[in-house]
């Protein structure tokens, strides 16, 4: 099914930048695969902004 359908990302964990290594280690210890897929940062000029990066 994963080859045919978009199965989505699954579970998303939002963690502070200084805890990412510990969170990723725990995910690995649980036998799961984790990926850093983005970051949250302040917008420039005070306006909301979404930037997609490949």
N, C-alpha and C. Protein backbone atom coordinates (compact mmCIF):
# COMPACT_ATOMS: atom_id res chain seq x y z
N UNK A 1 0.82 -1.20 0.00
CA UNK A 1 0.00 0.00 0.00
C UNK A 1 0.87 1.26 0.00
N UNK A 2 2.03 1.22 0.65
CA UNK A 2 2.89 2.39 0.70
C UNK A 2 3.41 2.77 -0.68
N UNK A 3 3.50 1.81 -1.59
CA UNK A 3 3.97 2.12 -2.94
C UNK A 3 2.88 2.76 -3.78
N UNK A 4 1.62 2.52 -3.43
CA UNK A 4 0.51 3.00 -4.25
C UNK A 4 -0.14 4.25 -3.66
N UNK A 5 -0.33 4.26 -2.34
CA UNK A 5 -1.06 5.35 -1.69
C UNK A 5 -0.13 6.22 -0.86
N UNK A 6 -0.48 7.48 -0.73
CA UNK A 6 0.23 8.38 0.16
C UNK A 6 -0.21 8.05 1.57
N UNK A 7 0.62 7.39 2.34
CA UNK A 7 0.26 6.95 3.68
C UNK A 7 0.57 8.03 4.73
N UNK A 8 1.01 9.20 4.29
CA UNK A 8 1.26 10.30 5.22
C UNK A 8 2.56 10.13 5.99
N UNK A 9 2.78 11.03 6.90
CA UNK A 9 3.99 11.04 7.70
C UNK A 9 3.86 10.11 8.89
N UNK A 10 2.70 10.04 9.49
CA UNK A 10 2.52 9.23 10.70
C UNK A 10 2.52 10.14 11.91
N UNK A 11 3.22 9.75 12.94
CA UNK A 11 3.28 10.52 14.18
C UNK A 11 4.33 11.62 14.06
N UNK A 12 3.99 12.81 14.51
CA UNK A 12 4.94 13.93 14.52
C UNK A 12 5.19 14.32 15.96
N UNK A 13 6.47 14.44 16.33
CA UNK A 13 6.87 14.88 17.65
C UNK A 13 7.53 16.24 17.50
N UNK A 14 7.06 17.24 18.22
CA UNK A 14 7.67 18.56 18.21
C UNK A 14 8.51 18.66 19.47
N UNK A 15 9.81 18.93 19.29
CA UNK A 15 10.74 18.99 20.42
C UNK A 15 11.61 20.22 20.31
N UNK A 16 12.06 20.73 21.45
CA UNK A 16 12.96 21.88 21.41
C UNK A 16 14.30 21.45 20.80
N UNK A 17 15.00 22.39 20.21
CA UNK A 17 16.23 22.09 19.50
C UNK A 17 17.28 21.43 20.40
N UNK A 18 17.28 21.78 21.69
CA UNK A 18 18.29 21.20 22.58
C UNK A 18 17.93 19.80 23.08
N UNK A 19 16.76 19.27 22.71
CA UNK A 19 16.39 17.91 23.11
C UNK A 19 16.26 16.94 21.94
N UNK A 20 16.55 17.42 20.74
CA UNK A 20 16.36 16.60 19.54
C UNK A 20 17.18 15.30 19.62
N UNK A 21 18.44 15.38 20.02
CA UNK A 21 19.27 14.18 20.08
C UNK A 21 18.71 13.15 21.05
N UNK A 22 18.24 13.59 22.21
CA UNK A 22 17.67 12.68 23.20
C UNK A 22 16.37 12.06 22.69
N UNK A 23 15.54 12.85 22.05
CA UNK A 23 14.27 12.35 21.51
C UNK A 23 14.54 11.32 20.41
N UNK A 24 15.48 11.64 19.51
CA UNK A 24 15.80 10.71 18.43
C UNK A 24 16.40 9.41 18.98
N UNK A 25 17.22 9.50 20.04
CA UNK A 25 17.80 8.31 20.67
C UNK A 25 16.70 7.44 21.27
N UNK A 26 15.72 8.06 21.90
CA UNK A 26 14.61 7.31 22.51
C UNK A 26 13.76 6.63 21.44
N UNK A 27 13.50 7.33 20.35
CA UNK A 27 12.74 6.75 19.24
C UNK A 27 13.48 5.54 18.71
N UNK A 28 14.79 5.65 18.54
CA UNK A 28 15.61 4.54 18.07
C UNK A 28 15.58 3.38 19.06
N UNK A 29 15.66 3.69 20.36
CA UNK A 29 15.63 2.65 21.40
C UNK A 29 14.31 1.89 21.40
N UNK A 30 13.25 2.53 20.95
CA UNK A 30 11.94 1.88 20.87
C UNK A 30 11.79 1.07 19.59
N UNK A 31 12.84 1.06 18.77
CA UNK A 31 12.80 0.27 17.54
C UNK A 31 12.11 0.96 16.38
N UNK A 32 11.95 2.25 16.47
CA UNK A 32 11.30 3.01 15.40
C UNK A 32 12.34 3.84 14.65
N UNK A 33 11.96 4.33 13.48
CA UNK A 33 12.83 5.23 12.71
C UNK A 33 12.30 6.64 12.86
N UNK A 34 13.18 7.58 13.12
CA UNK A 34 12.79 8.97 13.25
C UNK A 34 13.55 9.84 12.26
N UNK A 35 12.92 10.91 11.86
CA UNK A 35 13.53 11.85 10.92
C UNK A 35 13.23 13.27 11.38
N UNK A 36 14.20 14.15 11.27
CA UNK A 36 13.95 15.57 11.49
C UNK A 36 13.40 16.11 10.17
N UNK A 37 12.17 16.65 10.21
CA UNK A 37 11.52 17.06 8.96
C UNK A 37 11.36 18.57 8.84
N UNK A 38 11.83 19.32 9.83
CA UNK A 38 11.71 20.77 9.72
C UNK A 38 12.07 21.44 11.02
N UNK A 39 11.85 22.72 11.06
CA UNK A 39 12.09 23.49 12.27
C UNK A 39 11.12 24.66 12.33
N UNK A 40 10.85 25.11 13.52
CA UNK A 40 9.97 26.26 13.75
C UNK A 40 10.86 27.44 14.07
N UNK A 41 10.66 28.54 13.38
CA UNK A 41 11.47 29.74 13.63
C UNK A 41 10.60 30.98 13.51
N UNK A 42 11.08 32.05 14.09
CA UNK A 42 10.35 33.32 14.04
C UNK A 42 10.29 33.83 12.60
N UNK A 43 9.15 34.40 12.23
CA UNK A 43 9.00 34.97 10.89
C UNK A 43 9.77 36.28 10.79
N UNK A 44 10.23 36.57 9.59
CA UNK A 44 10.94 37.83 9.34
C UNK A 44 9.91 38.92 9.12
N UNK A 45 10.11 40.06 9.73
CA UNK A 45 9.21 41.18 9.52
C UNK A 45 7.87 41.05 10.22
N UNK A 46 7.70 40.06 11.09
CA UNK A 46 6.48 39.91 11.86
C UNK A 46 5.32 39.28 11.12
N UNK A 47 5.50 38.91 9.86
CA UNK A 47 4.41 38.30 9.10
C UNK A 47 4.55 36.78 9.11
N UNK A 48 3.41 36.09 9.09
CA UNK A 48 3.44 34.63 9.02
C UNK A 48 4.02 34.20 7.68
N UNK A 49 4.80 33.13 7.72
CA UNK A 49 5.46 32.69 6.50
C UNK A 49 5.69 31.18 6.57
N UNK A 50 5.45 30.50 5.46
CA UNK A 50 5.76 29.07 5.36
C UNK A 50 6.74 28.91 4.21
N UNK A 51 7.84 28.22 4.47
CA UNK A 51 8.83 27.99 3.43
C UNK A 51 9.03 26.49 3.28
N UNK A 52 8.85 26.00 2.07
CA UNK A 52 9.04 24.57 1.79
C UNK A 52 10.43 24.40 1.19
N UNK A 53 11.19 23.49 1.78
CA UNK A 53 12.55 23.24 1.31
C UNK A 53 12.68 21.77 0.96
N UNK A 54 13.15 21.47 -0.25
CA UNK A 54 13.35 20.07 -0.66
C UNK A 54 14.67 19.57 -0.18
